PDB file of N, CA and C in Angstrom:
ATOM      1  N   MET A   1      96.430 109.879  94.960  1.00  0.00           N
ATOM      2  CA  MET A   1      97.334 110.688  95.731  1.00  0.00           C
ATOM      3  C   MET A   1      98.738 110.088  95.700  1.00  0.00           C
ATOM      4  N   PHE A   2      98.853 108.760  95.827  1.00  0.00           N
ATOM      5  CA  PHE A   2     100.172 108.139  95.871  1.00  0.00           C
ATOM      6  C   PHE A   2     100.898 108.249  94.536  1.00  0.00           C
ATOM      7  N   THR A   3     100.180 108.189  93.416  1.00  0.00           N
ATOM      8  CA  THR A   3     100.838 108.334  92.121  1.00  0.00           C
ATOM      9  C   THR A   3     101.401 109.736  91.952  1.00  0.00           C
ATOM     10  N   ARG A   4     100.688 110.716  92.487  1.00  0.00           N
ATOM     11  CA  ARG A   4     101.153 112.100  92.420  1.00  0.00           C
ATOM     12  C   ARG A   4     102.447 112.245  93.218  1.00  0.00           C
ATOM     13  N   ILE A   5     102.490 111.669  94.392  1.00  0.00           N
ATOM     14  CA  ILE A   5     103.677 111.763  95.241  1.00  0.00           C
ATOM     15  C   ILE A   5     104.842 111.019  94.609  1.00  0.00           C
ATOM     16  N   LEU A   6     104.588 109.815  94.082  1.00  0.00           N
ATOM     17  CA  LEU A   6     105.664 109.033  93.475  1.00  0.00           C
ATOM     18  C   LEU A   6     106.238 109.694  92.230  1.00  0.00           C
ATOM     19  N   SER A   7     105.379 110.299  91.414  1.00  0.00           N
ATOM     20  CA  SER A   7     105.887 110.968  90.217  1.00  0.00           C
ATOM     21  C   SER A   7     106.718 112.198  90.589  1.00  0.00           C
ATOM     22  N   PHE A   8     106.302 112.897  91.635  1.00  0.00           N
ATOM     23  CA  PHE A   8     107.070 114.058  92.078  1.00  0.00           C
ATOM     24  C   PHE A   8     108.420 113.626  92.633  1.00  0.00           C
ATOM     25  N   ILE A   9     108.437 112.566  93.426  1.00  0.00           N
ATOM     26  CA  ILE A   9     109.684 112.094  94.020  1.00  0.00           C
ATOM     27  C   ILE A   9     110.649 111.620  92.943  1.00  0.00           C
ATOM     28  N   SER A  10     110.155 110.915  91.954  1.00  0.00           N
ATOM     29  CA  SER A  10     111.059 110.406  90.920  1.00  0.00           C
ATOM     30  C   SER A  10     111.628 111.524  90.059  1.00  0.00           C
ATOM     31  N   SER A  11     110.888 112.600  89.883  1.00  0.00           N
ATOM     32  CA  SER A  11     111.373 113.676  89.024  1.00  0.00           C
ATOM     33  C   SER A  11     112.403 114.566  89.708  1.00  0.00           C
ATOM     34  N   SER A  12     112.377 114.660  91.013  1.00  0.00           N
ATOM     35  CA  SER A  12     113.325 115.547  91.700  1.00  0.00           C
ATOM     36  C   SER A  12     113.889 114.871  92.949  1.00  0.00           C
ATOM     37  N   ARG A  13     114.344 113.657  92.791  1.00  0.00           N
ATOM     38  CA  ARG A  13     114.825 112.867  93.924  1.00  0.00           C
ATOM     39  C   ARG A  13     116.037 113.517  94.596  1.00  0.00           C
ATOM     40  N   ARG A  14     116.998 113.974  93.830  1.00  0.00           N
ATOM     41  CA  ARG A  14     118.219 114.540  94.420  1.00  0.00           C
ATOM     42  C   ARG A  14     117.913 115.813  95.194  1.00  0.00           C
ATOM     43  N   ASP A  15     117.055 116.674  94.639  1.00  0.00           N
ATOM     44  CA  ASP A  15     116.692 117.908  95.349  1.00  0.00           C
ATOM     45  C   ASP A  15     115.983 117.600  96.662  1.00  0.00           C
ATOM     46  N   ILE A  16     115.115 116.602  96.641  1.00  0.00           N
ATOM     47  CA  ILE A  16     114.417 116.212  97.864  1.00  0.00           C
ATOM     48  C   ILE A  16     115.404 115.668  98.889  1.00  0.00           C
ATOM     49  N   LEU A  17     116.364 114.871  98.425  1.00  0.00           N
ATOM     50  CA  LEU A  17     117.378 114.354  99.341  1.00  0.00           C
ATOM     51  C   LEU A  17     118.231 115.478  99.929  1.00  0.00           C
ATOM     52  N   ILE A  18     118.554 116.462  99.120  1.00  0.00           N
ATOM     53  CA  ILE A  18     119.340 117.593  99.616  1.00  0.00           C
ATOM     54  C   ILE A  18     118.575 118.325 100.711  1.00  0.00           C
ATOM     55  N   LEU A  19     117.301 118.607 100.466  1.00  0.00           N
ATOM     56  CA  LEU A  19     116.507 119.303 101.476  1.00  0.00           C
ATOM     57  C   LEU A  19     116.260 118.426 102.704  1.00  0.00           C
ATOM     58  N   PHE A  20     116.088 117.119 102.500  1.00  0.00           N
ATOM     59  CA  PHE A  20     115.885 116.215 103.624  1.00  0.00           C
ATOM     60  C   PHE A  20     117.110 116.179 104.522  1.00  0.00           C
ATOM     61  N   THR A  21     118.296 116.086 103.933  1.00  0.00           N
ATOM     62  CA  THR A  21     119.506 116.081 104.750  1.00  0.00           C
ATOM     63  C   THR A  21     119.751 117.458 105.372  1.00  0.00           C
ATOM     64  N   ALA A  22     119.317 118.518 104.706  1.00  0.00           N
ATOM     65  CA  ALA A  22     119.461 119.860 105.273  1.00  0.00           C
ATOM     66  C   ALA A  22     118.552 120.049 106.486  1.00  0.00           C
ATOM     67  N   LEU A  23     117.451 119.299 106.553  1.00  0.00           N
ATOM     68  CA  LEU A  23     116.569 119.386 107.721  1.00  0.00           C
ATOM     69  C   LEU A  23     117.302 119.016 109.005  1.00  0.00           C
ATOM     70  N   PHE A  24     118.258 118.124 108.913  1.00  0.00           N
ATOM     71  CA  PHE A  24     118.960 117.634 110.097  1.00  0.00           C
ATOM     72  C   PHE A  24     120.285 118.348 110.347  1.00  0.00           C
ATOM     73  N   ASN A  25     120.564 119.381 109.570  1.00  0.00           N
ATOM     74  CA  ASN A  25     121.775 120.166 109.752  1.00  0.00           C
ATOM     75  C   ASN A  25     121.457 121.334 110.684  1.00  0.00           C
ATOM     76  N   ARG A  26     122.283 121.542 111.694  1.00  0.00           N
ATOM     77  CA  ARG A  26     122.038 122.608 112.673  1.00  0.00           C
ATOM     78  C   ARG A  26     122.158 123.996 112.058  1.00  0.00           C
ATOM     79  N   ASN A  27     122.908 124.134 110.996  1.00  0.00           N
ATOM     80  CA  ASN A  27     123.130 125.445 110.388  1.00  0.00           C
ATOM     81  C   ASN A  27     122.057 125.848 109.392  1.00  0.00           C
ATOM     82  N   THR A  28     121.103 124.969 109.132  1.00  0.00           N
ATOM     83  CA  THR A  28     120.002 125.296 108.227  1.00  0.00           C
ATOM     84  C   THR A  28     119.053 126.254 108.940  1.00  0.00           C
ATOM     85  N   PRO A  29     118.704 127.364 108.297  1.00  0.00           N
ATOM     86  CA  PRO A  29     117.764 128.307 108.935  1.00  0.00           C
ATOM     87  C   PRO A  29     116.408 127.653 109.211  1.00  0.00           C
ATOM     88  N   LYS A  30     115.799 128.065 110.315  1.00  0.00           N
ATOM     89  CA  LYS A  30     114.505 127.495 110.715  1.00  0.00           C
ATOM     90  C   LYS A  30     113.432 127.749 109.667  1.00  0.00           C
ATOM     91  N   MET A  31     113.520 128.861 108.955  1.00  0.00           N
ATOM     92  CA  MET A  31     112.527 129.166 107.933  1.00  0.00           C
ATOM     93  C   MET A  31     112.555 128.110 106.819  1.00  0.00           C
ATOM     94  N   ILE A  32     113.749 127.689 106.421  1.00  0.00           N
ATOM     95  CA  ILE A  32     113.865 126.680 105.366  1.00  0.00           C
ATOM     96  C   ILE A  32     113.349 125.335 105.864  1.00  0.00           C
ATOM     97  N   LYS A  33     113.653 125.000 107.102  1.00  0.00           N
ATOM     98  CA  LYS A  33     113.132 123.752 107.672  1.00  0.00           C
ATOM     99  C   LYS A  33     111.608 123.770 107.705  1.00  0.00           C
ATOM    100  N   THR A  34     111.049 124.878 108.137  1.00  0.00           N
ATOM    101  CA  THR A  34     109.593 125.006 108.212  1.00  0.00           C
ATOM    102  C   THR A  34     108.966 124.935 106.826  1.00  0.00           C
ATOM    103  N   MET A  35     109.553 125.636 105.857  1.00  0.00           N
ATOM    104  CA  MET A  35     108.997 125.629 104.504  1.00  0.00           C
ATOM    105  C   MET A  35     109.079 124.238 103.869  1.00  0.00           C
ATOM    106  N   THR A  36     110.125 123.475 104.174  1.00  0.00           N
ATOM    107  CA  THR A  36     110.242 122.117 103.642  1.00  0.00           C
ATOM    108  C   THR A  36     109.116 121.244 104.171  1.00  0.00           C
ATOM    109  N   ILE A  37     108.854 121.335 105.455  1.00  0.00           N
ATOM    110  CA  ILE A  37     107.781 120.541 106.054  1.00  0.00           C
ATOM    111  C   ILE A  37     106.425 120.987 105.517  1.00  0.00           C
ATOM    112  N   VAL A  38     106.221 122.293 105.381  1.00  0.00           N
ATOM    113  CA  VAL A  38     104.952 122.810 104.854  1.00  0.00           C
ATOM    114  C   VAL A  38     104.747 122.366 103.406  1.00  0.00           C
ATOM    115  N   ALA A  39     105.799 122.370 102.597  1.00  0.00           N
ATOM    116  CA  ALA A  39     105.677 121.945 101.198  1.00  0.00           C
ATOM    117  C   ALA A  39     105.285 120.471 101.119  1.00  0.00           C
ATOM    118  N   PHE A  40     105.894 119.632 101.966  1.00  0.00           N
ATOM    119  CA  PHE A  40     105.524 118.212 101.955  1.00  0.00           C
ATOM    120  C   PHE A  40     104.082 118.022 102.423  1.00  0.00           C
ATOM    121  N   LEU A  41     103.678 118.736 103.466  1.00  0.00           N
ATOM    122  CA  LEU A  41     102.301 118.622 103.939  1.00  0.00           C
ATOM    123  C   LEU A  41     101.308 119.125 102.894  1.00  0.00           C
ATOM    124  N   TYR A  42     101.671 120.177 102.159  1.00  0.00           N
ATOM    125  CA  TYR A  42     100.804 120.665 101.091  1.00  0.00           C
ATOM    126  C   TYR A  42     100.662 119.620  99.985  1.00  0.00           C
ATOM    127  N   LEU A  43     101.752 118.900  99.706  1.00  0.00           N
ATOM    128  CA  LEU A  43     101.728 117.887  98.655  1.00  0.00           C
ATOM    129  C   LEU A  43     100.784 116.748  99.008  1.00  0.00           C
ATOM    130  N   ILE A  44     100.774 116.319 100.261  1.00  0.00           N
ATOM    131  CA  ILE A  44      99.929 115.183 100.642  1.00  0.00           C
ATOM    132  C   ILE A  44      98.554 115.616 101.131  1.00  0.00           C
ATOM    133  N   SER A  45      98.359 116.905 101.337  1.00  0.00           N
ATOM    134  CA  SER A  45      97.089 117.400 101.858  1.00  0.00           C
ATOM    135  C   SER A  45      95.992 117.360 100.793  1.00  0.00           C
ATOM    136  N   PRO A  46      94.777 117.002 101.189  1.00  0.00           N
ATOM    137  CA  PRO A  46      93.665 117.054 100.234  1.00  0.00           C
ATOM    138  C   PRO A  46      93.177 118.478  99.985  1.00  0.00           C
ATOM    139  N   ILE A  47      93.614 119.430 100.796  1.00  0.00           N
ATOM    140  CA  ILE A  47      93.214 120.831 100.640  1.00  0.00           C
ATOM    141  C   ILE A  47      94.267 121.533  99.793  1.00  0.00           C
ATOM    142  N   ASP A  48      93.866 122.021  98.618  1.00  0.00           N
ATOM    143  CA  ASP A  48      94.770 122.697  97.694  1.00  0.00           C
ATOM    144  C   ASP A  48      94.170 124.036  97.304  1.00  0.00           C
ATOM    145  N   PHE A  49      94.987 124.840  96.596  1.00  0.00           N
ATOM    146  CA  PHE A  49      94.450 126.079  96.032  1.00  0.00           C
ATOM    147  C   PHE A  49      93.379 125.752  94.994  1.00  0.00           C
ATOM    148  N   LEU A  50      93.679 124.777  94.153  1.00  0.00           N
ATOM    149  CA  LEU A  50      92.714 124.284  93.171  1.00  0.00           C
ATOM    150  C   LEU A  50      92.406 122.832  93.530  1.00  0.00           C
ATOM    151  N   PRO A  51      91.152 122.489  93.764  1.00  0.00           N
ATOM    152  CA  PRO A  51      90.828 121.111  94.160  1.00  0.00           C
ATOM    153  C   PRO A  51      91.238 120.097  93.094  1.00  0.00           C
ATOM    154  N   ASP A  52      91.625 118.903  93.545  1.00  0.00           N
ATOM    155  CA  ASP A  52      92.070 117.855  92.625  1.00  0.00           C
ATOM    156  C   ASP A  52      90.929 117.307  91.776  1.00  0.00           C
ATOM    157  N   MET A  53      89.700 117.629  92.120  1.00  0.00           N
ATOM    158  CA  MET A  53      88.564 117.122  91.348  1.00  0.00           C
ATOM    159  C   MET A  53      88.397 117.853  90.023  1.00  0.00           C
ATOM    160  N   ILE A  54      88.990 119.028  89.891  1.00  0.00           N
ATOM    161  CA  ILE A  54      88.933 119.748  88.627  1.00  0.00           C
ATOM    162  C   ILE A  54      89.941 119.095  87.688  1.00  0.00           C
ATOM    163  N   PRO A  55      89.474 118.477  86.604  1.00  0.00           N
ATOM    164  CA  PRO A  55      90.401 117.755  85.728  1.00  0.00           C
ATOM    165  C   PRO A  55      91.500 118.659  85.177  1.00  0.00           C
ATOM    166  N   GLY A  56      92.728 118.215  85.329  1.00  0.00           N
ATOM    167  CA  GLY A  56      93.862 118.953  84.804  1.00  0.00           C
ATOM    168  C   GLY A  56      94.342 120.056  85.721  1.00  0.00           C
ATOM    169  N   LEU A  57      93.458 120.952  86.101  1.00  0.00           N
ATOM    170  CA  LEU A  57      93.858 122.083  86.934  1.00  0.00           C
ATOM    171  C   LEU A  57      94.145 121.672  88.370  1.00  0.00           C
ATOM    172  N   GLY A  58      93.494 120.620  88.840  1.00  0.00           N
ATOM    173  CA  GLY A  58      93.692 120.175  90.209  1.00  0.00           C
ATOM    174  C   GLY A  58      95.107 119.711  90.485  1.00  0.00           C
ATOM    175  N   LEU A  59      95.712 119.047  89.519  1.00  0.00           N
ATOM    176  CA  LEU A  59      97.084 118.583  89.694  1.00  0.00           C
ATOM    177  C   LEU A  59      98.104 119.632  89.268  1.00  0.00           C
ATOM    178  N   LEU A  60      97.649 120.624  88.520  1.00  0.00           N
ATOM    179  CA  LEU A  60      98.561 121.659  88.033  1.00  0.00           C
ATOM    180  C   LEU A  60      99.147 122.472  89.176  1.00  0.00           C
ATOM    181  N   ASP A  61      98.330 122.787  90.186  1.00  0.00           N
ATOM    182  CA  ASP A  61      98.882 123.580  91.283  1.00  0.00           C
ATOM    183  C   ASP A  61      99.944 122.796  92.055  1.00  0.00           C
ATOM    184  N   ASP A  62      99.747 121.485  92.223  1.00  0.00           N
ATOM    185  CA  ASP A  62     100.771 120.676  92.886  1.00  0.00           C
ATOM    186  C   ASP A  62     102.036 120.591  92.043  1.00  0.00           C
ATOM    187  N   ALA A  63     101.856 120.546  90.742  1.00  0.00           N
ATOM    188  CA  ALA A  63     103.004 120.429  89.846  1.00  0.00           C
ATOM    189  C   ALA A  63     103.776 121.736  89.731  1.00  0.00           C
ATOM    190  N   VAL A  64     103.169 122.848  90.118  1.00  0.00           N
ATOM    191  CA  VAL A  64     103.839 124.142  90.019  1.00  0.00           C
ATOM    192  C   VAL A  64     104.254 124.665  91.393  1.00  0.00           C
ATOM    193  N   VAL A  65     103.359 124.596  92.356  1.00  0.00           N
ATOM    194  CA  VAL A  65     103.606 125.208  93.663  1.00  0.00           C
ATOM    195  C   VAL A  65     104.725 124.492  94.423  1.00  0.00           C
ATOM    196  N   VAL A  66     104.618 123.181  94.569  1.00  0.00           N
ATOM    197  CA  VAL A  66     105.595 122.448  95.389  1.00  0.00           C
ATOM    198  C   VAL A  66     107.000 122.488  94.781  1.00  0.00           C
ATOM    199  N   PRO A  67     107.196 122.200  93.483  1.00  0.00           N
ATOM    200  CA  PRO A  67     108.561 122.336  92.946  1.00  0.00           C
ATOM    201  C   PRO A  67     109.085 123.770  93.023  1.00  0.00           C
ATOM    202  N   GLY A  68     108.203 124.753  92.888  1.00  0.00           N
ATOM    203  CA  GLY A  68     108.634 126.140  93.014  1.00  0.00           C
ATOM    204  C   GLY A  68     109.137 126.450  94.411  1.00  0.00           C
ATOM    205  N   ILE A  69     108.427 125.957  95.412  1.00  0.00           N
ATOM    206  CA  ILE A  69     108.856 126.162  96.799  1.00  0.00           C
ATOM    207  C   ILE A  69     110.171 125.441  97.056  1.00  0.00           C
ATOM    208  N   LEU A  70     110.294 124.216  96.568  1.00  0.00           N
ATOM    209  CA  LEU A  70     111.528 123.458  96.782  1.00  0.00           C
ATOM    210  C   LEU A  70     112.711 124.125  96.090  1.00  0.00           C
ATOM    211  N   TYR A  71     112.507 124.632  94.890  1.00  0.00           N
ATOM    212  CA  TYR A  71     113.582 125.325  94.178  1.00  0.00           C
ATOM    213  C   TYR A  71     114.011 126.580  94.942  1.00  0.00           C
ATOM    214  N   ALA A  72     113.030 127.325  95.435  1.00  0.00           N
ATOM    215  CA  ALA A  72     113.344 128.540  96.190  1.00  0.00           C
ATOM    216  C   ALA A  72     114.121 128.200  97.460  1.00  0.00           C
ATOM    217  N   MET A  73     113.743 127.126  98.126  1.00  0.00           N
ATOM    218  CA  MET A  73     114.453 126.739  99.346  1.00  0.00           C
ATOM    219  C   MET A  73     115.879 126.290  99.042  1.00  0.00           C
ATOM    220  N   LEU A  74     116.071 125.582  97.938  1.00  0.00           N
ATOM    221  CA  LEU A  74     117.420 125.182  97.552  1.00  0.00           C
ATOM    222  C   LEU A  74     118.295 126.397  97.286  1.00  0.00           C
ATOM    223  N   GLN A  75     117.728 127.431  96.686  1.00  0.00           N
ATOM    224  CA  GLN A  75     118.488 128.646  96.408  1.00  0.00           C
ATOM    225  C   GLN A  75     118.798 129.424  97.681  1.00  0.00           C
ATOM    226  N   MET A  76     117.952 129.294  98.703  1.00  0.00           N
ATOM    227  CA  MET A  76     118.139 130.038  99.949  1.00  0.00           C
ATOM    228  C   MET A  76     119.059 129.324 100.939  1.00  0.00           C
ATOM    229  N   LEU A  77     119.405 128.074 100.674  1.00  0.00           N
ATOM    230  CA  LEU A  77     120.303 127.354 101.581  1.00  0.00           C
ATOM    231  C   LEU A  77     121.672 128.022 101.601  1.00  0.00           C
ATOM    232  N   PRO A  78     122.250 128.179 102.786  1.00  0.00           N
ATOM    233  CA  PRO A  78     123.630 128.686 102.839  1.00  0.00           C
ATOM    234  C   PRO A  78     124.565 127.729 102.100  1.00  0.00           C
ATOM    235  N   THR A  79     125.626 128.274 101.511  1.00  0.00           N
ATOM    236  CA  THR A  79     126.497 127.459 100.662  1.00  0.00           C
ATOM    237  C   THR A  79     127.154 126.316 101.426  1.00  0.00           C
ATOM    238  N   SER A  80     127.531 126.534 102.680  1.00  0.00           N
ATOM    239  CA  SER A  80     128.162 125.445 103.445  1.00  0.00           C
ATOM    240  C   SER A  80     127.171 124.321 103.721  1.00  0.00           C
ATOM    241  N   VAL A  81     125.938 124.681 104.044  1.00  0.00           N
ATOM    242  CA  VAL A  81     124.902 123.675 104.301  1.00  0.00           C
ATOM    243  C   VAL A  81     124.570 122.938 103.015  1.00  0.00           C
ATOM    244  N   ARG A  82     124.475 123.679 101.917  1.00  0.00           N
ATOM    245  CA  ARG A  82     124.137 123.040 100.645  1.00  0.00           C
ATOM    246  C   ARG A  82     125.227 122.072 100.201  1.00  0.00           C
ATOM    247  N   ALA A  83     126.495 122.454 100.353  1.00  0.00           N
ATOM    248  CA  ALA A  83     127.592 121.565  99.955  1.00  0.00           C
ATOM    249  C   ALA A  83     127.574 120.276 100.776  1.00  0.00           C
ATOM    250  N   LYS A  84     127.376 120.418 102.064  1.00  0.00           N
ATOM    251  CA  LYS A  84     127.335 119.230 102.930  1.00  0.00           C
ATOM    252  C   LYS A  84     126.116 118.369 102.612  1.00  0.00           C
ATOM    253  N   SER A  85     124.969 119.011 102.375  1.00  0.00           N
ATOM    254  CA  SER A  85     123.743 118.263 102.057  1.00  0.00           C
ATOM    255  C   SER A  85     123.850 117.570 100.703  1.00  0.00           C
ATOM    256  N   GLU A  86     124.510 118.202  99.731  1.00  0.00           N
ATOM    257  CA  GLU A  86     124.703 117.562  98.429  1.00  0.00           C
ATOM    258  C   GLU A  86     125.599 116.335  98.552  1.00  0.00           C
ATOM    259  N   ALA A  87     126.633 116.423  99.378  1.00  0.00           N
ATOM    260  CA  ALA A  87     127.507 115.257  99.588  1.00  0.00           C
ATOM    261  C   ALA A  87     126.735 114.118 100.244  1.00  0.00           C
ATOM    262  N   GLN A  88     125.908 114.448 101.227  1.00  0.00           N
ATOM    263  CA  GLN A  88     125.104 113.419 101.884  1.00  0.00           C
ATOM    264  C   GLN A  88     124.060 112.841 100.931  1.00  0.00           C
ATOM    265  N   ALA A  89     123.475 113.680 100.084  1.00  0.00           N
ATOM    266  CA  ALA A  89     122.480 113.201  99.123  1.00  0.00           C
ATOM    267  C   ALA A  89     123.122 112.278  98.092  1.00  0.00           C
ATOM    268  N   ASP A  90     124.336 112.607  97.662  1.00  0.00           N
ATOM    269  CA  ASP A  90     125.031 111.726  96.719  1.00  0.00           C
ATOM    270  C   ASP A  90     125.367 110.388  97.356  1.00  0.00           C
ATOM    271  N   TYR A  91     125.632 110.387  98.650  1.00  0.00           N
ATOM    272  CA  TYR A  91     125.911 109.138  99.361  1.00  0.00           C
ATOM    273  C   TYR A  91     124.632 108.313  99.534  1.00  0.00           C
ATOM    274  N   LEU A  92     123.513 108.984  99.853  1.00  0.00           N
ATOM    275  CA  LEU A  92     122.255 108.272 100.104  1.00  0.00           C
ATOM    276  C   LEU A  92     121.527 107.857  98.829  1.00  0.00           C
ATOM    277  N   GLY A  93     121.782 108.538  97.723  1.00  0.00           N
ATOM    278  CA  GLY A  93     121.059 108.281  96.476  1.00  0.00           C
ATOM    279  C   GLY A  93     121.027 106.828  96.052  1.00  0.00           C
ATOM    280  N   PRO A  94     122.171 106.151  95.949  1.00  0.00           N
ATOM    281  CA  PRO A  94     122.145 104.741  95.535  1.00  0.00           C
ATOM    282  C   PRO A  94     121.495 103.814  96.564  1.00  0.00           C
ATOM    283  N   LYS A  95     121.414 104.243  97.802  1.00  0.00           N
ATOM    284  CA  LYS A  95     120.848 103.407  98.860  1.00  0.00           C
ATOM    285  C   LYS A  95     119.334 103.610  99.029  1.00  0.00           C
ATOM    286  N   MET A  96     118.743 104.527  98.272  1.00  0.00           N
ATOM    287  CA  MET A  96     117.328 104.864  98.448  1.00  0.00           C
ATOM    288  C   MET A  96     116.372 103.688  98.282  1.00  0.00           C
ATOM    289  N   PRO A  97     116.531 102.814  97.289  1.00  0.00           N
ATOM    290  CA  PRO A  97     115.579 101.698  97.199  1.00  0.00           C
ATOM    291  C   PRO A  97     115.565 100.842  98.462  1.00  0.00           C
ATOM    292  N   TRP A  98     116.738 100.601  99.031  1.00  0.00           N
ATOM    293  CA  TRP A  98     116.796  99.805 100.259  1.00  0.00           C
ATOM    294  C   TRP A  98     116.198 100.559 101.440  1.00  0.00           C
ATOM    295  N   LEU A  99     116.493 101.843 101.530  1.00  0.00           N
ATOM    296  CA  LEU A  99     115.933 102.637 102.622  1.00  0.00           C
ATOM    297  C   LEU A  99     114.414 102.724 102.540  1.00  0.00           C
ATOM    298  N   LEU A 100     113.889 102.895 101.331  1.00  0.00           N
ATOM    299  CA  LEU A 100     112.440 102.952 101.159  1.00  0.00           C
ATOM    300  C   LEU A 100     111.781 101.611 101.472  1.00  0.00           C
ATOM    301  N   ALA A 101     112.439 100.513 101.106  1.00  0.00           N
ATOM    302  CA  ALA A 101     111.900  99.191 101.422  1.00  0.00           C
ATOM    303  C   ALA A 101     111.868  98.967 102.930  1.00  0.00           C
ATOM    304  N   ILE A 102     112.920  99.358 103.610  1.00  0.00           N
ATOM    305  CA  ILE A 102     112.959  99.206 105.068  1.00  0.00           C
ATOM    306  C   ILE A 102     111.904 100.088 105.726  1.00  0.00           C
ATOM    307  N   CYS A 103     111.762 101.318 105.236  1.00  0.00           N
ATOM    308  CA  CYS A 103     110.730 102.211 105.776  1.00  0.00           C
ATOM    309  C   CYS A 103     109.332 101.657 105.519  1.00  0.00           C
ATOM    310  N   GLY A 104     109.119 101.083 104.346  1.00  0.00           N
ATOM    311  CA  GLY A 104     107.821 100.485 104.036  1.00  0.00           C
ATOM    312  C   GLY A 104     107.502  99.308 104.943  1.00  0.00           C
ATOM    313  N   ILE A 105     108.485  98.453 105.180  1.00  0.00           N
ATOM    314  CA  ILE A 105     108.276  97.317 106.080  1.00  0.00           C
ATOM    315  C   ILE A 105     107.983  97.814 107.491  1.00  0.00           C
ATOM    316  N   PHE A 106     108.729  98.823 107.932  1.00  0.00           N
ATOM    317  CA  PHE A 106     108.494  99.388 109.255  1.00  0.00           C
ATOM    318  C   PHE A 106     107.096  99.987 109.351  1.00  0.00           C
ATOM    319  N   LEU A 107     106.663 100.699 108.318  1.00  0.00           N
ATOM    320  CA  LEU A 107     105.337 101.319 108.319  1.00  0.00           C
ATOM    321  C   LEU A 107     104.235 100.262 108.351  1.00  0.00           C
ATOM    322  N   ILE A 108     104.402  99.203 107.588  1.00  0.00           N
ATOM    323  CA  ILE A 108     103.411  98.120 107.592  1.00  0.00           C
ATOM    324  C   ILE A 108     103.364  97.450 108.962  1.00  0.00           C
ATOM    325  N   ALA A 109     104.520  97.174 109.547  1.00  0.00           N
ATOM    326  CA  ALA A 109     104.559  96.539 110.872  1.00  0.00           C
ATOM    327  C   ALA A 109     103.925  97.446 111.924  1.00  0.00           C
ATOM    328  N   TRP A 110     104.209  98.736 111.858  1.00  0.00           N
ATOM    329  CA  TRP A 110     103.634  99.676 112.811  1.00  0.00           C
ATOM    330  C   TRP A 110     102.112  99.765 112.646  1.00  0.00           C
ATOM    331  N   THR A 111     101.638  99.767 111.411  1.00  0.00           N
ATOM    332  CA  THR A 111     100.198  99.810 111.164  1.00  0.00           C
ATOM    333  C   THR A 111      99.510  98.563 111.716  1.00  0.00           C
ATOM    334  N   ILE A 112     100.099  97.398 111.487  1.00  0.00           N
ATOM    335  CA  ILE A 112      99.536  96.154 112.030  1.00  0.00           C
ATOM    336  C   ILE A 112      99.517  96.211 113.549  1.00  0.00           C
ATOM    337  N   PHE A 113     100.589  96.699 114.147  1.00  0.00           N
ATOM    338  CA  PHE A 113     100.656  96.814 115.603  1.00  0.00           C
ATOM    339  C   PHE A 113      99.535  97.705 116.131  1.00  0.00           C
ATOM    340  N   VAL A 114      99.307  98.847 115.496  1.00  0.00           N
ATOM    341  CA  VAL A 114      98.270  99.773 115.940  1.00  0.00           C
ATOM    342  C   VAL A 114      96.891  99.136 115.802  1.00  0.00           C
ATOM    343  N   PHE A 115      96.617  98.468 114.664  1.00  0.00           N
ATOM    344  CA  PHE A 115      95.320  97.826 114.486  1.00  0.00           C
ATOM    345  C   PHE A 115      95.091  96.709 115.494  1.00  0.00           C
ATOM    346  N   VAL A 116      96.108  95.922 115.779  1.00  0.00           N
ATOM    347  CA  VAL A 116      95.976  94.854 116.774  1.00  0.00           C
ATOM    348  C   VAL A 116      95.735  95.449 118.150  1.00  0.00           C
ATOM    349  N   ALA A 117      96.433  96.523 118.486  1.00  0.00           N
ATOM    350  CA  ALA A 117      96.235  97.160 119.784  1.00  0.00           C
ATOM    351  C   ALA A 117      94.816  97.723 119.913  1.00  0.00           C
ATOM    352  N   ILE A 118      94.333  98.364 118.849  1.00  0.00           N
ATOM    353  CA  ILE A 118      92.966  98.895 118.879  1.00  0.00           C
ATOM    354  C   ILE A 118      91.962  97.757 118.974  1.00  0.00           C
ATOM    355  N   TYR A 119      92.166  96.686 118.221  1.00  0.00           N
ATOM    356  CA  TYR A 119      91.262  95.532 118.256  1.00  0.00           C
ATOM    357  C   TYR A 119      91.235  94.929 119.671  1.00  0.00           C
ATOM    358  N   ASN A 120      92.394  94.751 120.271  1.00  0.00           N
ATOM    359  CA  ASN A 120      92.447  94.190 121.623  1.00  0.00           C
ATOM    360  C   ASN A 120      91.825  95.118 122.645  1.00  0.00           C
ATOM    361  N   PHE A 121      91.960  96.411 122.453  1.00  0.00           N
ATOM    362  CA  PHE A 121      91.371  97.379 123.379  1.00  0.00           C
ATOM    363  C   PHE A 121      89.843  97.358 123.287  1.00  0.00           C
ATOM    364  N   ILE A 122      89.328  97.232 122.067  1.00  0.00           N
ATOM    365  CA  ILE A 122      87.868  97.278 121.882  1.00  0.00           C
ATOM    366  C   ILE A 122      87.213  95.958 122.272  1.00  0.00           C
ATOM    367  N   PHE A 123      87.779  94.840 121.847  1.00  0.00           N
ATOM    368  CA  PHE A 123      87.099  93.561 122.012  1.00  0.00           C
ATOM    369  C   PHE A 123      87.589  92.734 123.207  1.00  0.00           C
ATOM    370  N   ASN A 124      88.525  93.208 123.964  1.00  0.00           N
ATOM    371  CA  ASN A 124      88.978  92.460 125.158  1.00  0.00           C
ATOM    372  C   ASN A 124      88.761  93.251 126.414  1.00  0.00           C
TER     373      ASN A 124
END
């Protein structure tokens, strides 16, 4: 699952950044915000139109459906929102490795915290 997500992110990083920054813009229509979240959840979800266990076809729907939805959402963005989101994406693009590293460290620390809390709750 993680290789699928990483390959998708590397192939369309700028488009993802544009939609991500558009999520936080007040002028972005709610439908586009909802579709962006649904597309990401579909990408990480084990439930697909074609199951991933079918060799070749299982990954084909992810490779077609999610980029198609993202492309459609980019086309539906209002021009003012898209221009502002593109400027923000160009600013964030070079900083992505650092941002991802910080997010990864935060996620690992949060996971350890949750496991320690559960362990202390069960055994103490």
